[in-house]
Amino acid sequence: MAELTSTKLNPESHLLLDQPLLRLPAELTRKNFKLAALHVEHDRKSLLGALKNAANDSLSGKKGPSQTLDSLDGMINRMRNLKRKMEGFHEEEGTIHRQIRKRLEHLHDLYQIPSLADVKYDDWSRVRLNRLLVDYLLRSGYGESATALAKEKGIEDLVDLSVFVQCHKVKESLRRGSTQECLAWCSEHRELTRKTHNALEFELRLQQFIEFRRRGQLVEARLHAQKHISSNTSTNKPEIRRAAGLLAHPPGTKVEPYKTMYSISRWEFLANLFVKTHHELFSLPGRPLMHIALSAGLSALKTPSCHSEYASSSSNASSTTTTVCPICSTELNELARNLRHVQHQKSSVEHDPIVLPNGRVYGRERLLEMSAKVGLVEGKVKDPTTSEVFDASRIRKVFLT
């Protein structure tokens, strides 16, 4: 009975990691609907206005029958264009709904598994592992590898290939020193980002201003500032003042903050700001899901000694200990560095604890046995972690309270 209880599957705990699986399609559906509504509203106002003007001009005799027919033909063509746009939005919505259905089926399968020992759980976990790997590859910029893996494993509807591929494309364009792709993205999502008061578009316009100044195009820089930057005075007044100062400081200046504003590193700042804005807009975690999944297990295994300067024989050549601790491995040690270490409810200590002069606690019997094995003379003990040698008379017994 104890074994069955310990292996009982709790689906709710698993779903904590899988929230983006449904959250992102929901955000995409909302975005798709809002964009469709904006197109309908924009064209509706234009068509009603054009229809009213055509009717008034026809009744007043300003336009003849042929001109009125031309106006009606133009309105019909515009409605046809709107219809094509709506068909595209409808097709996109169908794709999203198919993905949501597949993802719900995937999560529903988890509720049909009674135990962690069930072979079906191994299959389900393997699918999730593949999803995590695809997510990691996409975030790292390996879009082709991620697509190939998703296609091979048949999980295209369980991962968000197009979203991350577009994100990586825009990010790389910023690193190459181009703002066009990112500004186009901002224009497409302006209605969605306006409520969050995001500074991405302002920073992009500011970078364009900086590039005009870098090339010595002062007139173009001032015109650009009047058109795209000065309207943000209420929210970005300090930044606008610093931008104005660039007109008096040429490239190569050593004066701050203008030296930093001219720095090429601003492109990397813009790339990171875009990724942050993109993930916030679509409710995506800032870190790869693989890291989040690993963090839970690493935190359960981590102890204070895992990042000690005397951590183990792998990092301390004079240490006489060996370790198979995964946290101390070179692959996972850095990933676990900022995680909390495990808090044990029950402590397990030697029956004869003693403390060395350096404050480390060991079992007396095992410490003396180890010191003898490494060849120390009688009356000397060696700290197995730091390799320090002390007189046995300096050790003190520990009394636990």
Protein backbone atom coordinates (compact mmCIF):
# COMPACT_ATOMS: atom_id res chain seq x y z
CA MET A 1 0.00 0.00 0.00
CA ALA A 2 2.88 2.36 0.80
CA GLU A 3 4.40 1.71 -2.62
CA LEU A 4 1.13 2.46 -4.40
CA THR A 5 0.73 5.70 -2.44
CA SER A 6 4.25 6.86 -3.21
CA THR A 7 3.83 6.28 -6.96
CA LYS A 8 0.37 7.81 -7.27
CA LEU A 9 0.29 10.42 -10.03
CA ASN A 10 -0.80 13.96 -9.20
CA PRO A 11 -1.65 15.60 -12.55
CA GLU A 12 -2.08 19.06 -11.06
CA SER A 13 1.59 19.26 -10.04
CA HIS A 14 2.66 18.34 -13.58
CA LEU A 15 0.48 21.03 -15.13
CA LEU A 16 2.41 23.78 -13.33
CA LEU A 17 5.15 23.36 -15.92
CA ASP A 18 2.73 23.07 -18.83
CA GLN A 19 0.81 26.33 -18.39
CA PRO A 20 2.40 27.95 -21.50
CA LEU A 21 1.11 24.98 -23.51
CA LEU A 22 -2.41 26.47 -23.42
CA ARG A 23 -1.65 30.08 -22.52
CA LEU A 24 0.17 30.92 -25.75
CA PRO A 25 -2.59 29.62 -28.10
CA ALA A 26 -5.10 31.61 -26.05
CA GLU A 27 -2.99 34.76 -26.49
CA LEU A 28 -2.66 34.05 -30.22
CA THR A 29 -6.43 33.64 -30.50
CA ARG A 30 -6.98 36.94 -28.74
CA LYS A 31 -4.44 38.66 -30.99
CA ASN A 32 -5.98 37.16 -34.12
CA PHE A 33 -9.48 38.30 -33.11
CA LYS A 34 -8.35 41.84 -32.24
CA LEU A 35 -6.48 42.26 -35.52
CA ALA A 36 -9.51 41.01 -37.46
CA ALA A 37 -11.79 43.40 -35.56
CA LEU A 38 -9.44 46.33 -36.28
CA HIS A 39 -9.48 45.59 -40.02
CA VAL A 40 -13.27 45.30 -40.04
CA GLU A 41 -13.73 48.54 -38.12
CA HIS A 42 -11.23 50.45 -40.26
CA ASP A 43 -12.73 49.31 -43.56
CA ARG A 44 -16.30 49.77 -42.29
CA LYS A 45 -15.69 53.44 -41.54
CA SER A 46 -13.96 53.98 -44.88
CA LEU A 47 -16.68 52.21 -46.87
CA LEU A 48 -19.54 54.00 -45.12
CA GLY A 49 -17.85 57.33 -45.71
CA ALA A 50 -17.16 56.53 -49.38
CA LEU A 51 -20.72 55.27 -49.88
CA LYS A 52 -22.21 58.40 -48.33
CA ASN A 53 -20.03 60.67 -50.46
CA ALA A 54 -20.89 58.74 -53.63
CA ALA A 55 -24.63 58.97 -52.88
CA ASN A 56 -24.48 62.69 -52.12
CA ASP A 57 -22.41 63.43 -55.22
CA SER A 58 -24.80 61.41 -57.39
CA LEU A 59 -27.88 63.13 -55.99
CA SER A 60 -26.36 66.60 -56.30
CA GLY A 61 -25.18 65.94 -59.82
CA LYS A 62 -21.49 66.47 -59.03
CA LYS A 63 -20.68 63.06 -60.53
CA GLY A 64 -22.22 61.32 -63.48
CA PRO A 65 -23.42 57.71 -63.58
CA SER A 66 -20.06 56.40 -64.85
CA GLN A 67 -18.14 58.09 -62.04
CA THR A 68 -20.61 56.79 -59.47
CA LEU A 69 -20.15 53.26 -60.84
CA ASP A 70 -16.38 53.64 -60.62
CA SER A 71 -16.75 54.63 -56.96
CA LEU A 72 -18.94 51.60 -56.31
CA ASP A 73 -16.44 49.35 -58.08
CA GLY A 74 -13.68 50.70 -55.83
CA MET A 75 -15.77 49.95 -52.74
CA ILE A 76 -16.50 46.44 -54.00
CA ASN A 77 -12.78 45.80 -54.57
CA ARG A 78 -12.07 47.02 -51.06
CA MET A 79 -14.69 44.67 -49.65
CA ARG A 80 -13.14 41.81 -51.60
CA ASN A 81 -9.74 42.64 -50.11
CA LEU A 82 -11.33 42.65 -46.66
CA LYS A 83 -12.88 39.27 -47.40
CA ARG A 84 -9.46 37.84 -48.32
CA LYS A 85 -8.02 39.20 -45.09
CA MET A 86 -10.87 37.66 -43.10
CA GLU A 87 -10.28 34.32 -44.81
CA GLY A 88 -6.65 34.50 -43.73
CA PHE A 89 -7.65 35.27 -40.14
CA HIS A 90 -10.19 32.44 -40.26
CA GLU A 91 -7.56 30.00 -41.48
CA GLU A 92 -5.18 31.13 -38.74
CA GLU A 93 -7.90 30.69 -36.13
CA GLY A 94 -8.58 27.16 -37.41
CA THR A 95 -4.89 26.31 -37.03
CA ILE A 96 -4.84 27.64 -33.48
CA HIS A 97 -8.00 25.70 -32.58
CA ARG A 98 -6.45 22.52 -33.95
CA GLN A 99 -3.37 23.08 -31.80
CA ILE A 100 -5.49 23.73 -28.72
CA ARG A 101 -7.44 20.51 -29.34
CA LYS A 102 -4.23 18.49 -29.67
CA ARG A 103 -2.79 20.03 -26.52
CA LEU A 104 -5.91 19.39 -24.50
CA GLU A 105 -5.85 15.77 -25.63
CA HIS A 106 -2.20 15.54 -24.58
CA LEU A 107 -2.97 16.91 -21.11
CA HIS A 108 -6.11 14.78 -20.82
CA ASP A 109 -3.99 11.67 -21.35
CA LEU A 110 -2.16 12.53 -18.14
CA TYR A 111 -5.40 12.27 -16.14
CA GLN A 112 -5.92 8.76 -17.48
CA ILE A 113 -2.64 7.52 -15.95
CA PRO A 114 -3.14 6.24 -12.38
CA SER A 115 0.47 5.71 -11.36
CA LEU A 116 4.00 6.93 -12.03
CA ALA A 117 4.97 3.30 -12.55
CA ASP A 118 2.54 2.92 -15.45
CA VAL A 119 4.22 2.47 -18.84
CA LYS A 120 1.83 5.11 -20.26
CA TYR A 121 3.47 7.67 -17.98
CA ASP A 122 6.85 6.90 -19.54
CA ASP A 123 5.38 7.54 -22.99
CA TRP A 124 3.72 10.78 -21.87
CA SER A 125 6.91 11.99 -20.19
CA ARG A 126 8.89 11.23 -23.32
CA VAL A 127 6.56 13.46 -25.32
CA ARG A 128 6.96 16.24 -22.78
CA LEU A 129 10.74 15.86 -22.84
CA ASN A 130 10.68 16.27 -26.61
CA ARG A 131 8.56 19.40 -26.18
CA LEU A 132 11.07 20.82 -23.71
CA LEU A 133 13.94 20.07 -26.08
CA VAL A 134 12.16 21.79 -28.98
CA ASP A 135 11.44 24.82 -26.75
CA TYR A 136 15.11 24.98 -25.72
CA LEU A 137 16.32 24.74 -29.32
CA LEU A 138 13.90 27.44 -30.45
CA ARG A 139 14.97 29.84 -27.71
CA SER A 140 18.63 29.16 -28.53
CA GLY A 141 18.12 30.04 -32.19
CA TYR A 142 18.28 26.54 -33.68
CA GLY A 143 14.99 26.81 -35.55
CA GLU A 144 15.79 24.23 -38.22
CA SER A 145 16.88 21.62 -35.67
CA ALA A 146 13.77 22.32 -33.58
CA THR A 147 11.52 21.96 -36.62
CA ALA A 148 13.21 18.70 -37.65
CA LEU A 149 12.86 17.25 -34.14
CA ALA A 150 9.19 18.30 -33.86
CA LYS A 151 8.43 16.78 -37.25
CA GLU A 152 10.27 13.53 -36.46
CA LYS A 153 8.42 13.11 -33.16
CA GLY A 154 5.06 14.22 -34.57
CA ILE A 155 4.57 17.04 -32.05
CA GLU A 156 4.24 20.05 -34.37
CA ASP A 157 0.88 20.98 -32.80
CA LEU A 158 2.35 20.75 -29.28
CA VAL A 159 5.12 23.30 -29.84
CA ASP A 160 5.14 26.93 -31.01
CA LEU A 161 7.51 26.87 -33.94
CA SER A 162 6.29 29.91 -35.89
CA VAL A 163 6.16 32.19 -32.84
CA PHE A 164 9.75 31.55 -31.79
CA VAL A 165 11.10 31.51 -35.36
CA GLN A 166 9.63 34.98 -35.93
CA CYS A 167 11.01 36.15 -32.59
CA HIS A 168 14.50 34.90 -33.44
CA LYS A 169 14.35 36.49 -36.90
CA VAL A 170 13.53 39.93 -35.48
CA LYS A 171 16.13 39.57 -32.71
CA GLU A 172 18.89 38.72 -35.19
CA SER A 173 17.90 41.65 -37.42
CA LEU A 174 18.41 43.98 -34.45
CA ARG A 175 21.81 42.46 -33.74
CA ARG A 176 22.72 43.17 -37.36
CA GLY A 177 21.82 46.83 -36.85
CA SER A 178 18.42 46.95 -38.57
CA THR A 179 15.23 48.31 -37.01
CA GLN A 180 12.84 47.70 -39.93
CA GLU A 181 11.65 44.21 -38.97
CA CYS A 182 11.15 45.14 -35.32
CA LEU A 183 9.27 48.35 -36.18
CA ALA A 184 7.00 46.33 -38.47
CA TRP A 185 6.36 43.95 -35.57
CA CYS A 186 5.59 46.90 -33.27
CA SER A 187 3.18 48.32 -35.83
CA GLU A 188 1.37 45.00 -36.11
CA HIS A 189 1.05 44.62 -32.33
CA ARG A 190 0.67 48.29 -31.35
CA GLU A 191 -2.88 47.86 -30.08
CA LEU A 192 -1.80 44.94 -27.90
CA THR A 193 1.27 46.65 -26.41
CA ARG A 194 -0.25 50.10 -25.90
CA LYS A 195 -1.87 49.18 -22.57
CA THR A 196 1.44 47.94 -21.14
CA HIS A 197 3.22 51.26 -21.89
CA ASN A 198 6.13 49.33 -23.38
CA ALA A 199 9.20 51.37 -24.34
CA LEU A 200 10.34 49.16 -27.23
CA GLU A 201 9.09 51.34 -30.09
CA PHE A 202 10.43 54.50 -28.44
CA GLU A 203 13.87 52.91 -28.02
CA LEU A 204 13.84 51.85 -31.68
CA ARG A 205 12.99 55.38 -32.81
CA LEU A 206 15.71 56.70 -30.51
CA GLN A 207 18.21 54.32 -32.10
CA GLN A 208 17.25 55.60 -35.55
CA PHE A 209 17.90 59.13 -34.29
CA ILE A 210 21.31 58.03 -32.99
CA GLU A 211 22.20 56.50 -36.36
CA PHE A 212 21.24 59.73 -38.16
CA ARG A 213 23.53 61.63 -35.78
CA ARG A 214 26.30 59.05 -36.18
CA ARG A 215 26.26 59.62 -39.96
CA GLY A 216 26.27 63.40 -39.49
CA GLN A 217 22.73 63.86 -40.90
CA LEU A 218 21.69 66.56 -38.45
CA VAL A 219 18.70 67.82 -40.45
CA GLU A 220 17.30 64.30 -40.83
CA ALA A 221 17.90 63.66 -37.14
CA ARG A 222 15.91 66.74 -36.10
CA LEU A 223 13.04 65.92 -38.48
CA HIS A 224 12.97 62.34 -37.21
CA ALA A 225 12.90 63.54 -33.61
CA GLN A 226 10.01 65.91 -34.30
CA LYS A 227 7.99 63.17 -35.99
CA HIS A 228 8.66 60.13 -33.81
CA ILE A 229 10.28 61.14 -30.51
CA SER A 230 8.94 64.48 -29.28
CA SER A 231 5.42 63.06 -28.88
CA ASN A 232 6.70 60.88 -26.00
CA THR A 233 7.60 63.79 -23.73
CA SER A 234 5.08 62.78 -21.06
CA THR A 235 6.58 59.30 -20.60
CA ASN A 236 10.22 59.59 -21.73
CA LYS A 237 11.25 63.15 -20.92
CA PRO A 238 14.74 62.34 -19.47
CA GLU A 239 15.60 60.15 -22.47
CA ILE A 240 14.47 62.86 -24.90
CA ARG A 241 16.67 65.42 -23.15
CA ARG A 242 19.68 63.12 -23.43
CA ALA A 243 18.87 62.54 -27.11
CA ALA A 244 18.86 66.29 -27.70
CA GLY A 245 22.31 66.44 -26.15
CA LEU A 246 23.63 64.14 -28.87
CA LEU A 247 23.35 67.01 -31.36
CA ALA A 248 26.16 68.75 -29.47
CA HIS A 249 28.31 65.62 -28.97
CA PRO A 250 29.69 63.90 -32.09
CA PRO A 251 30.48 60.16 -32.30
CA GLY A 252 33.68 59.32 -30.45
CA THR A 253 32.87 61.58 -27.52
CA LYS A 254 34.09 60.46 -24.10
CA VAL A 255 31.29 62.30 -22.29
CA GLU A 256 28.62 60.19 -20.62
CA PRO A 257 25.85 59.28 -21.18
CA TYR A 258 26.46 60.11 -24.85
CA LYS A 259 29.38 57.70 -25.14
CA THR A 260 27.09 54.86 -24.04
CA MET A 261 24.31 55.97 -26.37
CA TYR A 262 26.71 55.77 -29.33
CA SER A 263 27.92 52.35 -28.21
CA ILE A 264 27.30 49.37 -30.50
CA SER A 265 26.16 47.45 -27.42
CA ARG A 266 22.83 49.30 -27.65
CA TRP A 267 21.84 46.90 -30.43
CA GLU A 268 22.18 43.97 -28.04
CA PHE A 269 20.12 45.93 -25.50
CA LEU A 270 17.39 46.42 -28.12
CA ALA A 271 17.46 42.72 -29.05
CA ASN A 272 17.03 41.71 -25.41
CA LEU A 273 14.28 44.31 -24.91
CA PHE A 274 12.41 42.93 -27.91
CA VAL A 275 12.62 39.34 -26.64
CA LYS A 276 11.39 40.49 -23.21
CA THR A 277 8.49 42.42 -24.79
CA HIS A 278 7.62 39.52 -27.09
CA HIS A 279 7.52 36.99 -24.26
CA GLU A 280 5.49 39.29 -22.00
CA LEU A 281 2.97 39.90 -24.77
CA PHE A 282 2.41 36.19 -25.33
CA SER A 283 2.71 35.20 -21.64
CA LEU A 284 5.85 33.13 -22.23
CA PRO A 285 8.37 32.37 -19.48
CA GLY A 286 11.59 34.32 -19.68
CA ARG A 287 13.68 31.15 -19.28
CA PRO A 288 13.59 27.90 -21.28
CA LEU A 289 11.11 25.39 -19.87
CA MET A 290 13.99 22.91 -19.73
CA HIS A 291 15.75 25.12 -17.17
CA ILE A 292 12.58 25.47 -15.11
CA ALA A 293 12.06 21.71 -15.09
CA LEU A 294 15.68 21.06 -14.14
CA SER A 295 15.58 23.70 -11.41
CA ALA A 296 12.95 21.79 -9.44
CA GLY A 297 15.06 18.64 -9.34
CA LEU A 298 18.34 20.48 -8.79
CA SER A 299 16.93 22.41 -5.85
CA ALA A 300 15.83 19.14 -4.21
CA LEU A 301 19.38 17.76 -4.51
CA LYS A 302 21.39 20.88 -3.76
CA THR A 303 23.25 21.25 -0.45
CA PRO A 304 25.40 24.14 0.87
CA SER A 305 28.58 22.24 0.03
CA CYS A 306 27.72 22.02 -3.68
CA HIS A 307 29.06 25.54 -4.31
CA SER A 308 31.69 25.63 -1.60
CA GLU A 309 35.19 26.76 -2.59
CA TYR A 310 36.27 23.33 -1.39
CA ALA A 311 33.36 21.67 -3.16
CA SER A 312 34.71 18.33 -4.27
CA SER A 313 37.61 16.47 -5.76
CA SER A 314 36.53 17.68 -9.19
CA SER A 315 37.29 21.31 -8.27
CA ASN A 316 39.78 20.81 -5.46
CA ALA A 317 42.75 18.66 -6.42
CA SER A 318 43.94 18.26 -2.84
CA SER A 319 40.58 16.95 -1.60
CA THR A 320 40.48 13.28 -0.64
CA THR A 321 36.74 12.92 -1.29
CA THR A 322 34.95 11.86 -4.43
CA THR A 323 31.41 12.73 -5.44
CA VAL A 324 28.69 11.54 -7.75
CA CYS A 325 26.50 14.55 -6.89
CA PRO A 326 24.84 15.88 -10.09
CA ILE A 327 24.90 19.42 -8.70
CA CYS A 328 28.69 19.30 -8.44
CA SER A 329 29.04 18.21 -12.06
CA THR A 330 30.44 20.74 -14.52
CA GLU A 331 27.26 20.52 -16.63
CA LEU A 332 24.79 21.48 -13.89
CA ASN A 333 26.82 23.33 -11.26
CA GLU A 334 26.42 26.81 -12.78
CA LEU A 335 22.72 26.27 -13.54
CA ALA A 336 22.06 25.45 -9.88
CA ARG A 337 24.19 28.25 -8.44
CA ASN A 338 21.33 30.70 -7.73
CA LEU A 339 18.84 28.07 -6.56
CA ARG A 340 17.89 27.53 -2.94
CA HIS A 341 19.38 24.43 -1.36
CA VAL A 342 17.20 21.71 0.09
CA GLN A 343 15.87 22.07 3.64
CA HIS A 344 15.73 18.67 5.35
CA GLN A 345 13.03 18.17 7.95
CA LYS A 346 15.09 15.43 9.58
CA SER A 347 18.86 15.65 10.00
CA SER A 348 21.18 12.67 9.77
CA VAL A 349 24.51 12.99 11.65
CA GLU A 350 27.20 10.69 12.95
CA HIS A 351 26.73 9.19 16.40
CA ASP A 352 30.03 10.71 17.62
CA PRO A 353 30.23 14.20 16.06
CA ILE A 354 33.28 16.39 16.60
CA VAL A 355 34.23 19.84 15.32
CA LEU A 356 37.60 20.77 13.83
CA PRO A 357 39.29 24.14 14.45
CA ASN A 358 38.06 25.33 11.04
CA GLY A 359 34.43 24.78 12.14
CA ARG A 360 33.68 21.65 10.08
CA VAL A 361 31.83 18.80 11.75
CA TYR A 362 32.58 15.09 11.15
CA GLY A 363 32.16 11.75 12.92
CA ARG A 364 35.16 11.08 15.17
CA GLU A 365 35.55 7.40 14.34
CA ARG A 366 35.38 7.85 10.56
CA LEU A 367 37.64 10.92 10.63
CA LEU A 368 40.37 9.05 12.54
CA GLU A 369 40.01 6.05 10.22
CA MET A 370 40.34 8.20 7.13
CA SER A 371 43.36 10.08 8.57
CA ALA A 372 45.12 6.79 9.22
CA LYS A 373 44.41 5.57 5.67
CA VAL A 374 46.08 8.63 4.09
CA GLY A 375 49.25 7.97 6.15
CA LEU A 376 49.08 10.61 8.88
CA VAL A 377 51.03 9.96 12.07
CA GLU A 378 49.10 9.21 15.23
CA GLY A 379 47.76 12.33 16.87
CA LYS A 380 47.04 14.10 13.56
CA VAL A 381 43.74 14.38 11.67
CA LYS A 382 43.01 15.63 8.16
CA ASP A 383 39.96 17.52 7.02
CA PRO A 384 38.70 15.46 4.04
CA THR A 385 37.18 18.56 2.40
CA THR A 386 39.88 21.24 2.76
CA SER A 387 42.87 18.85 3.28
CA GLU A 388 43.97 20.85 6.34
CA VAL A 389 45.86 18.88 9.02
CA PHE A 390 45.25 19.48 12.75
CA ASP A 391 46.43 18.05 16.02
CA ALA A 392 43.93 15.57 17.40
CA SER A 393 44.05 17.41 20.71
CA ARG A 394 42.40 20.44 19.09
CA ILE A 395 39.20 18.65 18.11
CA ARG A 396 36.14 19.19 20.29
CA LYS A 397 33.09 17.03 20.88
CA VAL A 398 29.78 18.34 19.59
CA PHE A 399 26.62 18.12 21.70
CA LEU A 400 23.41 18.43 19.66
CA THR A 401 20.50 20.29 21.21
